[in-house]
C-alpha atoms as a PDB file:
ATOM      1  CA  UNK A   1      93.490  18.391  53.023  1.00  0.00           C
ATOM      2  CA  UNK A   2      90.719  18.213  50.416  1.00  0.00           C
ATOM      3  CA  UNK A   3      88.643  21.438  50.573  1.00  0.00           C
ATOM      4  CA  UNK A   4      85.383  19.553  51.101  1.00  0.00           C
ATOM      5  CA  UNK A   5      86.909  17.489  53.901  1.00  0.00           C
ATOM      6  CA  UNK A   6      88.206  20.671  55.489  1.00  0.00           C
ATOM      7  CA  UNK A   7      84.670  22.053  55.419  1.00  0.00           C
ATOM      8  CA  UNK A   8      83.192  18.895  57.003  1.00  0.00           C
ATOM      9  CA  UNK A   9      85.952  18.851  59.589  1.00  0.00           C
ATOM     10  CA  UNK A  10      85.471  22.494  60.537  1.00  0.00           C
ATOM     11  CA  UNK A  11      81.712  22.045  60.886  1.00  0.00           C
ATOM     12  CA  UNK A  12      82.253  19.093  63.240  1.00  0.00           C
ATOM     13  CA  UNK A  13      84.755  21.039  65.353  1.00  0.00           C
ATOM     14  CA  UNK A  14      82.328  23.959  65.605  1.00  0.00           C
ATOM     15  CA  UNK A  15      79.542  21.584  66.725  1.00  0.00           C
ATOM     16  CA  UNK A  16      81.642  19.965  69.434  1.00  0.00           C
ATOM     17  CA  UNK A  17      83.174  23.248  70.566  1.00  0.00           C
ATOM     18  CA  UNK A  18      79.649  24.561  71.169  1.00  0.00           C
ATOM     19  CA  UNK A  19      78.578  21.404  73.001  1.00  0.00           C
ATOM     20  CA  UNK A  20      79.081  21.833  76.778  1.00  0.00           C
ATOM     21  CA  UNK A  21      79.563  18.082  77.115  1.00  0.00           C
ATOM     22  CA  UNK A  22      82.840  18.283  75.187  1.00  0.00           C
ATOM     23  CA  UNK A  23      85.715  19.930  77.060  1.00  0.00           C
ATOM     24  CA  UNK A  24      88.669  19.673  74.668  1.00  0.00           C
ATOM     25  CA  UNK A  25      89.804  18.390  71.288  1.00  0.00           C
ATOM     26  CA  UNK A  26      93.073  17.702  69.480  1.00  0.00           C
ATOM     27  CA  UNK A  27      94.393  16.077  66.328  1.00  0.00           C
ATOM     28  CA  UNK A  28      96.205  12.901  65.448  1.00  0.00           C
ATOM     29  CA  UNK A  29      97.958  12.445  62.137  1.00  0.00           C
ATOM     30  CA  UNK A  30      99.448  14.933  59.740  1.00  0.00           C
ATOM     31  CA  UNK A  31      97.019  17.847  60.166  1.00  0.00           C
ATOM     32  CA  UNK A  32      98.831  20.750  61.768  1.00  0.00           C
ATOM     33  CA  UNK A  33     102.174  19.039  61.139  1.00  0.00           C
ATOM     34  CA  UNK A  34     104.848  19.247  58.483  1.00  0.00           C
ATOM     35  CA  UNK A  35     103.496  16.292  56.485  1.00  0.00           C
ATOM     36  CA  UNK A  36      99.990  17.698  55.883  1.00  0.00           C
ATOM     37  CA  UNK A  37      99.028  17.704  52.207  1.00  0.00           C
ATOM     38  CA  UNK A  38      96.002  17.414  49.925  1.00  0.00           C
ATOM     39  CA  UNK A  39      95.749  13.684  50.660  1.00  0.00           C
ATOM     40  CA  UNK A  40      95.538  14.053  54.450  1.00  0.00           C
ATOM     41  CA  UNK A  41      92.495  12.713  56.243  1.00  0.00           C
ATOM     42  CA  UNK A  42      91.445  13.971  59.676  1.00  0.00           C
ATOM     43  CA  UNK A  43      91.820  12.229  63.047  1.00  0.00           C
ATOM     44  CA  UNK A  44      90.435  14.391  65.848  1.00  0.00           C
ATOM     45  CA  UNK A  45      89.860  13.288  69.443  1.00  0.00           C
ATOM     46  CA  UNK A  46      87.027  14.921  71.385  1.00  0.00           C
ATOM     47  CA  UNK A  47      87.282  14.770  75.178  1.00  0.00           C
ATOM     48  CA  UNK A  48      83.838  14.245  76.739  1.00  0.00           C
ATOM     49  CA  UNK A  49      82.672  14.638  80.337  1.00  0.00           C
ATOM     50  CA  UNK A  50      82.253  11.149  81.779  1.00  0.00           C
ATOM     51  CA  UNK A  51      78.590  11.515  82.678  1.00  0.00           C
ATOM     52  CA  UNK A  52      77.722  12.460  79.074  1.00  0.00           C
ATOM     53  CA  UNK A  53      79.960  10.022  77.228  1.00  0.00           C
ATOM     54  CA  UNK A  54      77.371   7.295  76.518  1.00  0.00           C
ATOM     55  CA  UNK A  55      74.746   9.805  75.422  1.00  0.00           C
ATOM     56  CA  UNK A  56      77.122  11.560  73.019  1.00  0.00           C
ATOM     57  CA  UNK A  57      78.289   8.220  71.673  1.00  0.00           C
ATOM     58  CA  UNK A  58      74.678   7.375  70.864  1.00  0.00           C
ATOM     59  CA  UNK A  59      74.276  10.657  68.969  1.00  0.00           C
ATOM     60  CA  UNK A  60      77.527  10.465  67.042  1.00  0.00           C
ATOM     61  CA  UNK A  61      76.211   8.901  63.843  1.00  0.00           C
ATOM     62  CA  UNK A  62      73.357  11.417  63.685  1.00  0.00           C
ATOM     63  CA  UNK A  63      75.737  14.333  64.145  1.00  0.00           C
ATOM     64  CA  UNK A  64      77.849  13.282  61.185  1.00  0.00           C
ATOM     65  CA  UNK A  65      74.838  12.357  59.057  1.00  0.00           C
ATOM     66  CA  UNK A  66      73.607  15.938  59.473  1.00  0.00           C
ATOM     67  CA  UNK A  67      76.977  17.307  58.389  1.00  0.00           C
ATOM     68  CA  UNK A  68      77.218  15.073  55.327  1.00  0.00           C
ATOM     69  CA  UNK A  69      74.233  12.811  54.564  1.00  0.00           C
ATOM     70  CA  UNK A  70      76.017  10.377  52.234  1.00  0.00           C
ATOM     71  CA  UNK A  71      77.991   8.154  54.601  1.00  0.00           C
ATOM     72  CA  UNK A  72      79.218   5.054  52.754  1.00  0.00           C
ATOM     73  CA  UNK A  73      81.098   3.592  55.720  1.00  0.00           C
ATOM     74  CA  UNK A  74      80.613   3.937  59.474  1.00  0.00           C
ATOM     75  CA  UNK A  75      83.144   1.475  60.844  1.00  0.00           C
ATOM     76  CA  UNK A  76      83.724   0.886  64.543  1.00  0.00           C
ATOM     77  CA  UNK A  77      87.445   0.412  65.086  1.00  0.00           C
ATOM     78  CA  UNK A  78      86.771  -0.569  68.690  1.00  0.00           C
ATOM     79  CA  UNK A  79      88.893   0.489  71.646  1.00  0.00           C
ATOM     80  CA  UNK A  80      87.101   0.170  75.007  1.00  0.00           C
ATOM     81  CA  UNK A  81      84.513   1.688  77.347  1.00  0.00           C
ATOM     82  CA  UNK A  82      86.568   4.886  77.694  1.00  0.00           C
ATOM     83  CA  UNK A  83      87.353   5.539  74.041  1.00  0.00           C
ATOM     84  CA  UNK A  84      85.275   4.994  70.900  1.00  0.00           C
ATOM     85  CA  UNK A  85      86.691   5.326  67.417  1.00  0.00           C
ATOM     86  CA  UNK A  86      84.973   5.306  64.014  1.00  0.00           C
ATOM     87  CA  UNK A  87      86.390   5.419  60.517  1.00  0.00           C
ATOM     88  CA  UNK A  88      83.937   7.337  58.346  1.00  0.00           C
ATOM     89  CA  UNK A  89      83.896   7.503  54.552  1.00  0.00           C
ATOM     90  CA  UNK A  90      81.804  10.291  53.002  1.00  0.00           C
ATOM     91  CA  UNK A  91      80.743  10.431  49.358  1.00  0.00           C
ATOM     92  CA  UNK A  92      80.872  14.037  48.142  1.00  0.00           C
ATOM     93  CA  UNK A  93      81.416  13.208  44.470  1.00  0.00           C
ATOM     94  CA  UNK A  94      84.556  11.440  45.612  1.00  0.00           C
ATOM     95  CA  UNK A  95      85.140   9.474  48.785  1.00  0.00           C
ATOM     96  CA  UNK A  96      86.792  11.245  51.741  1.00  0.00           C
ATOM     97  CA  UNK A  97      87.964   9.799  55.068  1.00  0.00           C
ATOM     98  CA  UNK A  98      87.332  11.149  58.570  1.00  0.00           C
ATOM     99  CA  UNK A  99      88.443   9.159  61.648  1.00  0.00           C
ATOM    100  CA  UNK A 100      86.814  10.361  64.861  1.00  0.00           C
ATOM    101  CA  UNK A 101      87.556   9.446  68.479  1.00  0.00           C
ATOM    102  CA  UNK A 102      85.580  10.390  71.548  1.00  0.00           C
ATOM    103  CA  UNK A 103      87.132   9.832  74.949  1.00  0.00           C
ATOM    104  CA  UNK A 104      86.086  10.093  78.574  1.00  0.00           C
ATOM    105  CA  UNK A 105      87.670  12.987  80.412  1.00  0.00           C
ATOM    106  CA  UNK A 106      88.721  10.785  83.347  1.00  0.00           C
ATOM    107  CA  UNK A 107      90.829   8.516  81.151  1.00  0.00           C
ATOM    108  CA  UNK A 108      92.987  11.306  79.767  1.00  0.00           C
ATOM    109  CA  UNK A 109      95.995  10.558  81.948  1.00  0.00           C
ATOM    110  CA  UNK A 110      95.540   6.804  82.273  1.00  0.00           C
ATOM    111  CA  UNK A 111      95.463   4.047  79.688  1.00  0.00           C
ATOM    112  CA  UNK A 112      96.110   6.156  76.636  1.00  0.00           C
ATOM    113  CA  UNK A 113      98.446   8.767  78.099  1.00  0.00           C
ATOM    114  CA  UNK A 114     101.241   7.887  75.717  1.00  0.00           C
ATOM    115  CA  UNK A 115      98.968   8.368  72.727  1.00  0.00           C
ATOM    116  CA  UNK A 116      98.013  11.831  73.939  1.00  0.00           C
ATOM    117  CA  UNK A 117     101.594  12.865  74.435  1.00  0.00           C
ATOM    118  CA  UNK A 118     102.345  11.843  70.867  1.00  0.00           C
ATOM    119  CA  UNK A 119      99.191  13.433  69.459  1.00  0.00           C
ATOM    120  CA  UNK A 120      99.264  16.838  71.121  1.00  0.00           C
ATOM    121  CA  UNK A 121     101.958  18.640  69.209  1.00  0.00           C
ATOM    122  CA  UNK A 122     101.986  22.401  68.721  1.00  0.00           C
ATOM    123  CA  UNK A 123      99.283  23.375  66.291  1.00  0.00           C
ATOM    124  CA  UNK A 124      97.222  20.214  66.888  1.00  0.00           C
ATOM    125  CA  UNK A 125      95.185  21.276  69.924  1.00  0.00           C
ATOM    126  CA  UNK A 126      91.803  22.354  68.560  1.00  0.00           C
ATOM    127  CA  UNK A 127      90.283  23.742  71.747  1.00  0.00           C
ATOM    128  CA  UNK A 128      90.605  23.329  75.506  1.00  0.00           C
ATOM    129  CA  UNK A 129      87.661  24.959  77.266  1.00  0.00           C
ATOM    130  CA  UNK A 130      88.545  24.044  80.837  1.00  0.00           C
ATOM    131  CA  UNK A 131      92.329  23.700  80.676  1.00  0.00           C
ATOM    132  CA  UNK A 132      91.999  19.962  81.363  1.00  0.00           C
ATOM    133  CA  UNK A 133      94.044  18.980  78.352  1.00  0.00           C
ATOM    134  CA  UNK A 134      96.767  21.548  79.019  1.00  0.00           C
ATOM    135  CA  UNK A 135      97.071  20.420  82.635  1.00  0.00           C
ATOM    136  CA  UNK A 136      97.280  16.756  81.638  1.00  0.00           C
ATOM    137  CA  UNK A 137      99.930  17.429  79.013  1.00  0.00           C
ATOM    138  CA  UNK A 138     102.055  19.214  81.583  1.00  0.00           C
ATOM    139  CA  UNK A 139     102.263  15.992  83.595  1.00  0.00           C
ATOM    140  CA  UNK A 140     102.917  13.588  80.736  1.00  0.00           C
ATOM    141  CA  UNK A 141     106.362  12.186  80.076  1.00  0.00           C
ATOM    142  CA  UNK A 142     107.119  10.484  76.761  1.00  0.00           C
ATOM    143  CA  UNK A 143     107.640   6.766  77.021  1.00  0.00           C
ATOM    144  CA  UNK A 144     111.330   5.907  77.013  1.00  0.00           C
ATOM    145  CA  UNK A 145     112.867   2.742  75.663  1.00  0.00           C
ATOM    146  CA  UNK A 146     113.843   0.085  78.197  1.00  0.00           C
ATOM    147  CA  UNK A 147     116.559  -2.348  77.115  1.00  0.00           C
ATOM    148  CA  UNK A 148     115.492  -5.416  79.102  1.00  0.00           C
ATOM    149  CA  UNK A 149     114.325  -7.266  75.975  1.00  0.00           C
ATOM    150  CA  UNK A 150     116.968  -6.019  73.556  1.00  0.00           C
ATOM    151  CA  UNK A 151     119.059  -9.178  73.709  1.00  0.00           C
ATOM    152  CA  UNK A 152     115.878 -11.285  73.435  1.00  0.00           C
ATOM    153  CA  UNK A 153     114.850  -9.397  70.308  1.00  0.00           C
ATOM    154  CA  UNK A 154     118.245  -9.878  68.687  1.00  0.00           C
ATOM    155  CA  UNK A 155     118.174 -13.588  69.457  1.00  0.00           C
ATOM    156  CA  UNK A 156     114.674 -13.761  68.001  1.00  0.00           C
ATOM    157  CA  UNK A 157     115.910 -12.297  64.743  1.00  0.00           C
ATOM    158  CA  UNK A 158     118.742 -14.789  64.349  1.00  0.00           C
ATOM    159  CA  UNK A 159     116.442 -17.662  65.267  1.00  0.00           C
ATOM    160  CA  UNK A 160     114.076 -16.766  62.430  1.00  0.00           C
ATOM    161  CA  UNK A 161     116.997 -16.256  60.029  1.00  0.00           C
ATOM    162  CA  UNK A 162     117.977 -19.821  60.932  1.00  0.00           C
ATOM    163  CA  UNK A 163     114.411 -21.131  60.541  1.00  0.00           C
ATOM    164  CA  UNK A 164     114.198 -19.607  57.074  1.00  0.00           C
ATOM    165  CA  UNK A 165     116.751 -22.133  55.854  1.00  0.00           C
ATOM    166  CA  UNK A 166     114.307 -25.032  56.056  1.00  0.00           C
ATOM    167  CA  UNK A 167     111.652 -22.928  54.357  1.00  0.00           C
ATOM    168  CA  UNK A 168     114.120 -22.189  51.578  1.00  0.00           C
ATOM    169  CA  UNK A 169     114.830 -25.906  51.263  1.00  0.00           C
ATOM    170  CA  UNK A 170     111.122 -26.736  51.080  1.00  0.00           C
ATOM    171  CA  UNK A 171     110.390 -23.846  48.699  1.00  0.00           C
ATOM    172  CA  UNK A 172     107.673 -22.837  51.174  1.00  0.00           C
ATOM    173  CA  UNK A 173     106.938 -19.316  50.011  1.00  0.00           C
ATOM    174  CA  UNK A 174     104.243 -18.362  52.494  1.00  0.00           C
ATOM    175  CA  UNK A 175     106.166 -19.505  55.561  1.00  0.00           C
ATOM    176  CA  UNK A 176     109.125 -17.553  54.223  1.00  0.00           C
ATOM    177  CA  UNK A 177     106.948 -14.479  53.927  1.00  0.00           C
ATOM    178  CA  UNK A 178     105.784 -15.026  57.501  1.00  0.00           C
ATOM    179  CA  UNK A 179     109.384 -15.296  58.717  1.00  0.00           C
ATOM    180  CA  UNK A 180     110.290 -12.162  56.773  1.00  0.00           C
ATOM    181  CA  UNK A 181     107.499 -10.338  58.572  1.00  0.00           C
ATOM    182  CA  UNK A 182     108.796 -11.420  61.983  1.00  0.00           C
ATOM    183  CA  UNK A 183     112.332 -10.400  61.077  1.00  0.00           C
ATOM    184  CA  UNK A 184     111.206  -6.996  59.837  1.00  0.00           C
ATOM    185  CA  UNK A 185     109.167  -6.387  62.985  1.00  0.00           C
ATOM    186  CA  UNK A 186     112.155  -7.373  65.105  1.00  0.00           C
ATOM    187  CA  UNK A 187     114.412  -5.051  63.138  1.00  0.00           C
ATOM    188  CA  UNK A 188     111.966  -2.229  63.899  1.00  0.00           C
ATOM    189  CA  UNK A 189     112.233  -2.999  67.616  1.00  0.00           C
ATOM    190  CA  UNK A 190     116.011  -2.820  67.450  1.00  0.00           C
ATOM    191  CA  UNK A 191     115.822   0.495  65.611  1.00  0.00           C
ATOM    192  CA  UNK A 192     113.618   1.721  68.424  1.00  0.00           C
ATOM    193  CA  UNK A 193     116.402   0.844  70.851  1.00  0.00           C
ATOM    194  CA  UNK A 194     118.922   2.620  68.645  1.00  0.00           C
ATOM    195  CA  UNK A 195     116.768   5.746  68.355  1.00  0.00           C
ATOM    196  CA  UNK A 196     115.508   5.721  71.924  1.00  0.00           C
ATOM    197  CA  UNK A 197     114.051   9.237  71.933  1.00  0.00           C
ATOM    198  CA  UNK A 198     112.000   8.736  68.773  1.00  0.00           C
ATOM    199  CA  UNK A 199     108.329   7.809  68.625  1.00  0.00           C
ATOM    200  CA  UNK A 200     108.081   4.304  67.104  1.00  0.00           C
ATOM    201  CA  UNK A 201     104.344   3.798  67.608  1.00  0.00           C
ATOM    202  CA  UNK A 202     103.836   3.585  63.822  1.00  0.00           C
ATOM    203  CA  UNK A 203     106.893   2.395  61.933  1.00  0.00           C
ATOM    204  CA  UNK A 204     105.638   3.578  58.524  1.00  0.00           C
ATOM    205  CA  UNK A 205     105.800   7.165  59.791  1.00  0.00           C
ATOM    206  CA  UNK A 206     108.817   6.720  62.055  1.00  0.00           C
ATOM    207  CA  UNK A 207     111.087   5.331  59.339  1.00  0.00           C
ATOM    208  CA  UNK A 208     110.555   8.460  57.243  1.00  0.00           C
ATOM    209  CA  UNK A 209     110.830  10.804  60.206  1.00  0.00           C
ATOM    210  CA  UNK A 210     113.891   9.468  61.983  1.00  0.00           C
ATOM    211  CA  UNK A 211     116.037   7.465  59.567  1.00  0.00           C
ATOM    212  CA  UNK A 212     118.342   8.790  56.842  1.00  0.00           C
ATOM    213  CA  UNK A 213     117.610   7.888  53.225  1.00  0.00           C
ATOM    214  CA  UNK A 214     120.344   5.264  53.133  1.00  0.00           C
ATOM    215  CA  UNK A 215     118.928   3.425  56.131  1.00  0.00           C
ATOM    216  CA  UNK A 216     115.421   3.649  54.666  1.00  0.00           C
ATOM    217  CA  UNK A 217     116.779   2.017  51.520  1.00  0.00           C
ATOM    218  CA  UNK A 218     118.290  -0.863  53.491  1.00  0.00           C
ATOM    219  CA  UNK A 219     114.895  -1.710  54.973  1.00  0.00           C
ATOM    220  CA  UNK A 220     113.347  -2.060  51.523  1.00  0.00           C
ATOM    221  CA  UNK A 221     115.115  -5.415  51.196  1.00  0.00           C
ATOM    222  CA  UNK A 222     112.313  -6.911  53.309  1.00  0.00           C
ATOM    223  CA  UNK A 223     109.586  -5.876  50.863  1.00  0.00           C
ATOM    224  CA  UNK A 224     110.691  -6.495  47.291  1.00  0.00           C
ATOM    225  CA  UNK A 225     110.767 -10.286  47.311  1.00  0.00           C
ATOM    226  CA  UNK A 226     107.695 -12.322  46.414  1.00  0.00           C
ATOM    227  CA  UNK A 227     109.277 -15.597  45.308  1.00  0.00           C
ATOM    228  CA  UNK A 228     111.773 -17.928  46.953  1.00  0.00           C
ATOM    229  CA  UNK A 229     114.872 -17.002  44.892  1.00  0.00           C
ATOM    230  CA  UNK A 230     114.221 -13.297  45.457  1.00  0.00           C
ATOM    231  CA  UNK A 231     113.880 -13.807  49.226  1.00  0.00           C
ATOM    232  CA  UNK A 232     117.137 -15.750  49.264  1.00  0.00           C
ATOM    233  CA  UNK A 233     118.826 -12.904  47.410  1.00  0.00           C
ATOM    234  CA  UNK A 234     117.404 -10.324  49.813  1.00  0.00           C
ATOM    235  CA  UNK A 235     118.258 -12.175  53.013  1.00  0.00           C
ATOM    236  CA  UNK A 236     121.938 -11.310  53.080  1.00  0.00           C
ATOM    237  CA  UNK A 237     121.212  -7.591  52.708  1.00  0.00           C
ATOM    238  CA  UNK A 238     118.615  -7.854  55.471  1.00  0.00           C
ATOM    239  CA  UNK A 239     120.847  -9.621  57.967  1.00  0.00           C
ATOM    240  CA  UNK A 240     123.842  -7.386  57.248  1.00  0.00           C
ATOM    241  CA  UNK A 241     121.733  -4.280  57.903  1.00  0.00           C
ATOM    242  CA  UNK A 242     120.206  -5.827  61.005  1.00  0.00           C
ATOM    243  CA  UNK A 243     123.574  -6.893  62.430  1.00  0.00           C
ATOM    244  CA  UNK A 244     124.960  -3.368  62.103  1.00  0.00           C
ATOM    245  CA  UNK A 245     121.915  -1.840  63.804  1.00  0.00           C
ATOM    246  CA  UNK A 246     121.803  -4.485  66.533  1.00  0.00           C
ATOM    247  CA  UNK A 247     125.474  -4.049  67.379  1.00  0.00           C
ATOM    248  CA  UNK A 248     125.040  -0.293  67.584  1.00  0.00           C
ATOM    249  CA  UNK A 249     121.996  -0.708  69.849  1.00  0.00           C
ATOM    250  CA  UNK A 250     123.866  -3.099  72.136  1.00  0.00           C
ATOM    251  CA  UNK A 251     126.757  -0.671  72.377  1.00  0.00           C
ATOM    252  CA  UNK A 252     124.398   2.195  73.184  1.00  0.00           C
ATOM    253  CA  UNK A 253     122.715   0.220  75.986  1.00  0.00           C
ATOM    254  CA  UNK A 254     125.758  -1.735  77.232  1.00  0.00           C
ATOM    255  CA  UNK A 255     124.138  -5.042  76.305  1.00  0.00           C
ATOM    256  CA  UNK A 256     126.283  -8.009  75.252  1.00  0.00           C
ATOM    257  CA  UNK A 257     125.802  -8.836  71.587  1.00  0.00           C
ATOM    258  CA  UNK A 258     125.375 -12.583  70.739  1.00  0.00           C
ATOM    259  CA  UNK A 259     128.393 -12.873  68.450  1.00  0.00           C
ATOM    260  CA  UNK A 260     128.525 -16.670  68.523  1.00  0.00           C
ATOM    261  CA  UNK A 261     124.857 -16.975  67.612  1.00  0.00           C
ATOM    262  CA  UNK A 262     125.242 -14.689  64.606  1.00  0.00           C
ATOM    263  CA  UNK A 263     128.370 -16.486  63.415  1.00  0.00           C
ATOM    264  CA  UNK A 264     126.782 -19.942  63.586  1.00  0.00           C
ATOM    265  CA  UNK A 265     123.563 -18.837  61.890  1.00  0.00           C
ATOM    266  CA  UNK A 266     125.527 -17.195  59.095  1.00  0.00           C
ATOM    267  CA  UNK A 267     127.539 -20.394  58.644  1.00  0.00           C
ATOM    268  CA  UNK A 268     124.320 -22.419  58.519  1.00  0.00           C
ATOM    269  CA  UNK A 269     122.839 -20.108  55.885  1.00  0.00           C
ATOM    270  CA  UNK A 270     126.009 -20.172  53.793  1.00  0.00           C
ATOM    271  CA  UNK A 271     126.204 -23.967  53.939  1.00  0.00           C
ATOM    272  CA  UNK A 272     122.594 -24.673  53.003  1.00  0.00           C
ATOM    273  CA  UNK A 273     121.396 -21.635  51.057  1.00  0.00           C
ATOM    274  CA  UNK A 274     123.951 -19.145  49.900  1.00  0.00           C
ATOM    275  CA  UNK A 275     126.951 -21.421  49.521  1.00  0.00           C
END
């Protein structure tokens, strides 16, 4: 983490730790984890007593303005009535990023419980004044993969591989790029089935964390093509990698793989595109 960002972050934690309205805090992201480096931003969550949530939300901008007066961006990422999130950019001679969440205490074990399980790793709990966070974590169970839609996902992939043929024929680059996006997303879902105990909430992190280098390299086929001939050239590598992963996922979950569908789509592609 940048030294100046570390200073701003520590000042904010000290402020909220001293505030009786805030009962606990923890970190998202790389801070406190193995991937922390000088480029890391900060993503803390501050757990607020319900009756004080709206008041603290109203004070939030002022709190950060006092810590660092030059705010160049105060961007509301949204969420809902129980959680508020802001992306903040500070100018301290260079621009630094701080993402802050505040959350109602009562919602800790409800809507966002999966997020909290993922976020609260050893070394990422900042403080827990009342034990509320510790007690909630003791009851949380990580979300497990359910295979009900595995076959549907695999069929979706082959459908879009089929649809790409007409886009190839029309030289319709942007529809091809759209189809590539759907196919990549579907491939990620199948990898989630194959690595059922992994956290796939953010694929950009999960690919690095859970897949070997060779498998990471296979997925790059989806990203290097920006013209029609290049996409055509990449498609075979994409579908071969997907087919291997999808078969392995079906075997792991005792789901019937759509062999006929794959065979016919491959024949269609070979006849009209790759023949």
